[in-house]
């Protein structure tokens, strides 16, 4: 299994909170700010933790009103 990479747009004032919250679950995922001006973050999710991350992100959106927008990357064309 490979690490799952997910890109999100989140208001910049929530980036540090998201990073701290997710990384407090040791080994589950790493949050990297891809573009601070565009407020884009990438989550690198450990294999087997995908469901837990999605549940945590849903909780942050619904119960803490943190707007997260998943950015779908275009798939690379086969060579």
N, C-alpha and C. Protein backbone atom coordinates (compact mmCIF):
# COMPACT_ATOMS: atom_id res chain seq x y z
N UNK A 1 0.84 -1.18 0.00
CA UNK A 1 0.00 0.00 0.00
C UNK A 1 0.88 1.25 0.00
N UNK A 2 0.39 2.28 -0.63
CA UNK A 2 1.13 3.53 -0.72
C UNK A 2 0.50 4.59 0.17
N UNK A 3 1.32 5.60 0.47
CA UNK A 3 0.82 6.76 1.20
C UNK A 3 -0.16 7.50 0.30
N UNK A 4 -1.31 7.83 0.84
CA UNK A 4 -2.33 8.57 0.11
C UNK A 4 -2.06 10.06 0.27
N UNK A 5 -2.01 10.79 -0.84
CA UNK A 5 -1.80 12.24 -0.81
C UNK A 5 -3.11 12.92 -1.19
N UNK A 6 -3.58 13.81 -0.30
CA UNK A 6 -4.84 14.52 -0.52
C UNK A 6 -4.58 16.01 -0.39
N UNK A 7 -5.10 16.77 -1.33
CA UNK A 7 -4.90 18.22 -1.34
C UNK A 7 -6.20 18.90 -0.91
N UNK A 8 -6.09 19.88 0.02
CA UNK A 8 -7.25 20.62 0.50
C UNK A 8 -6.97 22.12 0.48
N UNK A 9 -8.03 22.88 0.29
CA UNK A 9 -7.99 24.33 0.50
C UNK A 9 -8.71 24.57 1.82
N UNK A 10 -8.07 25.37 2.68
CA UNK A 10 -8.60 25.66 4.00
C UNK A 10 -8.24 27.10 4.32
N UNK A 11 -9.12 27.87 4.93
CA UNK A 11 -8.76 29.24 5.28
C UNK A 11 -7.45 29.25 6.09
N UNK A 12 -6.58 30.18 5.75
CA UNK A 12 -5.23 30.18 6.32
C UNK A 12 -5.20 30.23 7.84
N UNK A 13 -6.20 30.83 8.46
CA UNK A 13 -6.20 30.90 9.93
C UNK A 13 -6.39 29.54 10.59
N UNK A 14 -6.80 28.52 9.82
CA UNK A 14 -7.01 27.19 10.37
C UNK A 14 -5.88 26.21 10.05
N UNK A 15 -4.90 26.62 9.26
CA UNK A 15 -3.85 25.69 8.84
C UNK A 15 -3.09 25.13 10.04
N UNK A 16 -2.64 25.97 10.94
CA UNK A 16 -1.87 25.50 12.11
C UNK A 16 -2.71 24.57 12.98
N UNK A 17 -3.99 24.91 13.15
CA UNK A 17 -4.88 24.07 13.96
C UNK A 17 -5.06 22.69 13.31
N UNK A 18 -5.27 22.68 12.00
CA UNK A 18 -5.42 21.41 11.28
C UNK A 18 -4.16 20.57 11.42
N UNK A 19 -3.01 21.19 11.20
CA UNK A 19 -1.72 20.48 11.30
C UNK A 19 -1.53 19.89 12.70
N UNK A 20 -1.75 20.70 13.72
CA UNK A 20 -1.58 20.24 15.10
C UNK A 20 -2.55 19.12 15.44
N UNK A 21 -3.79 19.26 15.03
CA UNK A 21 -4.81 18.26 15.33
C UNK A 21 -4.48 16.93 14.67
N UNK A 22 -4.20 16.96 13.38
CA UNK A 22 -3.95 15.71 12.65
C UNK A 22 -2.66 15.05 13.11
N UNK A 23 -1.61 15.84 13.28
CA UNK A 23 -0.32 15.25 13.66
C UNK A 23 -0.27 14.82 15.12
N UNK A 24 -1.29 15.19 15.92
CA UNK A 24 -1.35 14.69 17.30
C UNK A 24 -1.71 13.21 17.32
N UNK A 25 -2.27 12.71 16.23
CA UNK A 25 -2.52 11.28 16.07
C UNK A 25 -1.26 10.69 15.45
N UNK A 26 -0.34 10.31 16.29
CA UNK A 26 1.01 9.93 15.88
C UNK A 26 1.03 8.89 14.76
N UNK A 27 1.67 9.25 13.67
CA UNK A 27 1.87 8.33 12.57
C UNK A 27 0.71 8.19 11.61
N UNK A 28 -0.40 8.87 11.86
CA UNK A 28 -1.58 8.72 11.01
C UNK A 28 -1.45 9.50 9.72
N UNK A 29 -0.94 10.74 9.82
CA UNK A 29 -0.79 11.58 8.62
C UNK A 29 0.16 12.74 8.93
N UNK A 30 0.66 13.32 7.86
CA UNK A 30 1.51 14.50 7.95
C UNK A 30 0.85 15.59 7.11
N UNK A 31 0.83 16.81 7.63
CA UNK A 31 0.23 17.94 6.92
C UNK A 31 1.34 18.87 6.47
N UNK A 32 1.33 19.20 5.18
CA UNK A 32 2.31 20.11 4.61
C UNK A 32 1.58 21.26 3.94
N UNK A 33 2.02 22.48 4.20
CA UNK A 33 1.45 23.63 3.50
C UNK A 33 2.11 23.71 2.13
N UNK A 34 1.31 23.55 1.09
CA UNK A 34 1.82 23.56 -0.28
C UNK A 34 1.94 24.99 -0.79
N UNK A 35 0.93 25.81 -0.52
CA UNK A 35 0.91 27.20 -0.97
C UNK A 35 0.20 28.04 0.08
N UNK A 36 0.96 28.79 0.90
CA UNK A 36 0.32 29.56 1.97
C UNK A 36 -0.61 30.65 1.45
N UNK A 37 -0.28 31.28 0.31
CA UNK A 37 -1.13 32.34 -0.24
C UNK A 37 -2.47 31.78 -0.71
N UNK A 38 -2.45 30.63 -1.33
CA UNK A 38 -3.68 30.00 -1.81
C UNK A 38 -4.34 29.14 -0.72
N UNK A 39 -3.67 29.02 0.43
CA UNK A 39 -4.16 28.22 1.56
C UNK A 39 -4.39 26.76 1.16
N UNK A 40 -3.39 26.19 0.49
CA UNK A 40 -3.45 24.79 0.08
C UNK A 40 -2.57 23.95 0.99
N UNK A 41 -3.13 22.86 1.49
CA UNK A 41 -2.37 21.93 2.30
C UNK A 41 -2.48 20.54 1.69
N UNK A 42 -1.43 19.75 1.89
CA UNK A 42 -1.44 18.37 1.43
C UNK A 42 -1.36 17.47 2.65
N UNK A 43 -2.24 16.49 2.69
CA UNK A 43 -2.20 15.47 3.73
C UNK A 43 -1.58 14.22 3.14
N UNK A 44 -0.55 13.71 3.79
CA UNK A 44 0.06 12.44 3.41
C UNK A 44 -0.40 11.43 4.45
N UNK A 45 -1.33 10.59 4.05
CA UNK A 45 -2.02 9.68 4.96
C UNK A 45 -1.36 8.31 4.92
N UNK A 46 -1.04 7.79 6.09
CA UNK A 46 -0.42 6.47 6.19
C UNK A 46 -1.39 5.39 5.74
N UNK A 47 -0.86 4.33 5.11
CA UNK A 47 -1.72 3.23 4.69
C UNK A 47 -2.52 2.67 5.87
N UNK A 48 -3.80 2.44 5.63
CA UNK A 48 -4.68 1.90 6.65
C UNK A 48 -5.35 2.96 7.52
N UNK A 49 -4.96 4.22 7.35
CA UNK A 49 -5.52 5.31 8.17
C UNK A 49 -6.50 6.18 7.41
N UNK A 50 -6.83 5.81 6.18
CA UNK A 50 -7.67 6.65 5.33
C UNK A 50 -9.04 6.92 5.96
N UNK A 51 -9.68 5.89 6.47
CA UNK A 51 -11.01 6.05 7.06
C UNK A 51 -10.97 6.96 8.28
N UNK A 52 -9.98 6.77 9.13
CA UNK A 52 -9.85 7.61 10.33
C UNK A 52 -9.64 9.07 9.96
N UNK A 53 -8.82 9.33 8.96
CA UNK A 53 -8.57 10.72 8.54
C UNK A 53 -9.85 11.34 8.00
N UNK A 54 -10.58 10.60 7.17
CA UNK A 54 -11.83 11.14 6.61
C UNK A 54 -12.85 11.42 7.72
N UNK A 55 -12.92 10.55 8.72
CA UNK A 55 -13.82 10.78 9.85
C UNK A 55 -13.40 12.02 10.64
N UNK A 56 -12.11 12.18 10.85
CA UNK A 56 -11.60 13.35 11.58
C UNK A 56 -11.88 14.64 10.80
N UNK A 57 -11.65 14.62 9.49
CA UNK A 57 -11.91 15.81 8.67
C UNK A 57 -13.41 16.13 8.64
N UNK A 58 -14.25 15.11 8.57
CA UNK A 58 -15.70 15.33 8.64
C UNK A 58 -16.08 15.99 9.96
N UNK A 59 -15.49 15.51 11.04
CA UNK A 59 -15.78 16.09 12.36
C UNK A 59 -15.36 17.56 12.41
N UNK A 60 -14.17 17.87 11.90
CA UNK A 60 -13.70 19.26 11.90
C UNK A 60 -14.63 20.16 11.09
N UNK A 61 -15.15 19.63 10.00
CA UNK A 61 -16.05 20.41 9.14
C UNK A 61 -17.42 20.61 9.80
N UNK A 62 -17.99 19.54 10.30
CA UNK A 62 -19.36 19.59 10.83
C UNK A 62 -19.42 20.23 12.22
N UNK A 63 -18.57 19.79 13.13
CA UNK A 63 -18.69 20.21 14.53
C UNK A 63 -17.86 21.44 14.88
N UNK A 64 -16.80 21.69 14.12
CA UNK A 64 -15.96 22.84 14.42
C UNK A 64 -16.05 23.91 13.33
N UNK A 65 -16.91 23.67 12.35
CA UNK A 65 -17.17 24.63 11.27
C UNK A 65 -15.91 25.11 10.56
N UNK A 66 -14.99 24.19 10.33
CA UNK A 66 -13.78 24.51 9.58
C UNK A 66 -14.03 24.12 8.12
N UNK A 67 -14.08 25.10 7.23
CA UNK A 67 -14.35 24.79 5.83
C UNK A 67 -13.14 24.16 5.14
N UNK A 68 -13.32 22.94 4.70
CA UNK A 68 -12.29 22.22 3.95
C UNK A 68 -12.82 21.92 2.56
N UNK A 69 -12.04 22.23 1.55
CA UNK A 69 -12.43 21.92 0.18
C UNK A 69 -11.37 21.01 -0.42
N UNK A 70 -11.79 19.81 -0.78
CA UNK A 70 -10.83 18.88 -1.39
C UNK A 70 -10.56 19.31 -2.82
N UNK A 71 -9.30 19.32 -3.18
CA UNK A 71 -8.87 19.68 -4.53
C UNK A 71 -8.50 18.39 -5.24
N UNK A 72 -9.18 18.10 -6.33
CA UNK A 72 -8.92 16.88 -7.09
C UNK A 72 -7.87 17.20 -8.14
N UNK A 73 -6.79 16.47 -8.08
CA UNK A 73 -5.71 16.65 -9.06
C UNK A 73 -6.03 15.84 -10.31
N UNK A 74 -5.73 16.40 -11.47
CA UNK A 74 -5.92 15.61 -12.69
C UNK A 74 -4.94 14.45 -12.72
N UNK A 75 -5.41 13.34 -13.20
CA UNK A 75 -4.54 12.16 -13.31
C UNK A 75 -3.57 12.34 -14.46
N UNK A 76 -2.37 11.85 -14.26
CA UNK A 76 -1.36 11.92 -15.32
C UNK A 76 -1.73 10.95 -16.43
N UNK A 77 -1.52 11.39 -17.64
CA UNK A 77 -1.78 10.54 -18.80
C UNK A 77 -0.70 9.47 -18.89
N UNK A 78 -1.07 8.24 -19.25
CA UNK A 78 -0.05 7.20 -19.41
C UNK A 78 0.90 7.55 -20.55
N UNK A 79 2.14 7.17 -20.39
CA UNK A 79 3.15 7.48 -21.41
C UNK A 79 3.06 6.56 -22.59
